[in-house]
Amino acid sequence: MKKDLVTTEIIVKENKVGILRVGNINYISLTDLAKYQNSSNPTFKI
């Protein structure tokens, strides 16, 4: 069974956050969220 993949972005506090939808499940980019804390080094632990 092939699952549909959909990618999109949302704006959170003026920062783009990627979202990937696989079937009926959404995944948010943790790297994009970490970039909010430190954009030059997004290795911040969430």
C-alpha atoms as a PDB file:
ATOM      1  CA  MET A   1       0.000   0.000   0.000  1.00  0.00           C
ATOM      2  CA  LYS A   2       1.515   3.314  -1.106  1.00  0.00           C
ATOM      3  CA  LYS A   3       1.292   6.182   1.403  1.00  0.00           C
ATOM      4  CA  ASP A   4       0.845   9.751   0.241  1.00  0.00           C
ATOM      5  CA  LEU A   5       3.655  12.178   1.111  1.00  0.00           C
ATOM      6  CA  VAL A   6       2.850  15.877   1.452  1.00  0.00           C
ATOM      7  CA  THR A   7       5.307  18.562   2.502  1.00  0.00           C
ATOM      8  CA  THR A   8       4.412  22.072   3.611  1.00  0.00           C
ATOM      9  CA  GLU A   9       5.689  24.859   5.825  1.00  0.00           C
ATOM     10  CA  ILE A  10       4.115  26.961   8.529  1.00  0.00           C
ATOM     11  CA  ILE A  11       5.343  30.226  10.022  1.00  0.00           C
ATOM     12  CA  VAL A  12       5.922  30.196  13.804  1.00  0.00           C
ATOM     13  CA  LYS A  13       7.113  33.461  15.343  1.00  0.00           C
ATOM     14  CA  GLU A  14       8.440  34.601  11.950  1.00  0.00           C
ATOM     15  CA  ASN A  15      10.347  31.307  11.378  1.00  0.00           C
ATOM     16  CA  LYS A  16       9.541  28.649   8.787  1.00  0.00           C
ATOM     17  CA  VAL A  17       8.903  25.184  10.179  1.00  0.00           C
ATOM     18  CA  GLY A  18       8.665  22.240   7.786  1.00  0.00           C
ATOM     19  CA  ILE A  19       5.893  19.690   8.098  1.00  0.00           C
ATOM     20  CA  LEU A  20       5.818  16.303   6.396  1.00  0.00           C
ATOM     21  CA  ARG A  21       2.566  14.370   6.175  1.00  0.00           C
ATOM     22  CA  VAL A  22       2.763  10.611   5.620  1.00  0.00           C
ATOM     23  CA  GLY A  23      -0.683   9.122   5.255  1.00  0.00           C
ATOM     24  CA  ASN A  24      -2.651  10.606   8.154  1.00  0.00           C
ATOM     25  CA  ILE A  25       0.353  11.407  10.372  1.00  0.00           C
ATOM     26  CA  ASN A  26       2.112  14.806  10.513  1.00  0.00           C
ATOM     27  CA  TYR A  27       5.798  15.147  11.378  1.00  0.00           C
ATOM     28  CA  ILE A  28       7.271  18.518  12.397  1.00  0.00           C
ATOM     29  CA  SER A  29      10.924  19.303  11.666  1.00  0.00           C
ATOM     30  CA  LEU A  30      12.732  19.404  15.004  1.00  0.00           C
ATOM     31  CA  THR A  31      15.760  20.949  13.291  1.00  0.00           C
ATOM     32  CA  ASP A  32      13.630  23.877  12.156  1.00  0.00           C
ATOM     33  CA  LEU A  33      12.364  24.321  15.715  1.00  0.00           C
ATOM     34  CA  ALA A  34      15.930  24.219  17.060  1.00  0.00           C
ATOM     35  CA  LYS A  35      16.932  26.918  14.559  1.00  0.00           C
ATOM     36  CA  TYR A  36      14.602  29.263  16.440  1.00  0.00           C
ATOM     37  CA  GLN A  37      16.869  28.950  19.498  1.00  0.00           C
ATOM     38  CA  ASN A  38      20.174  29.247  17.602  1.00  0.00           C
ATOM     39  CA  SER A  39      19.998  29.684  13.821  1.00  0.00           C
ATOM     40  CA  SER A  40      23.749  29.344  13.230  1.00  0.00           C
ATOM     41  CA  ASN A  41      24.079  26.098  15.243  1.00  0.00           C
ATOM     42  CA  PRO A  42      20.739  24.248  15.567  1.00  0.00           C
ATOM     43  CA  THR A  43      22.118  21.451  17.761  1.00  0.00           C
ATOM     44  CA  PHE A  44      20.053  22.737  20.695  1.00  0.00           C
ATOM     45  CA  LYS A  45      18.327  19.864  22.471  1.00  0.00           C
ATOM     46  CA  ILE A  46      14.573  19.993  22.310  1.00  0.00           C
END
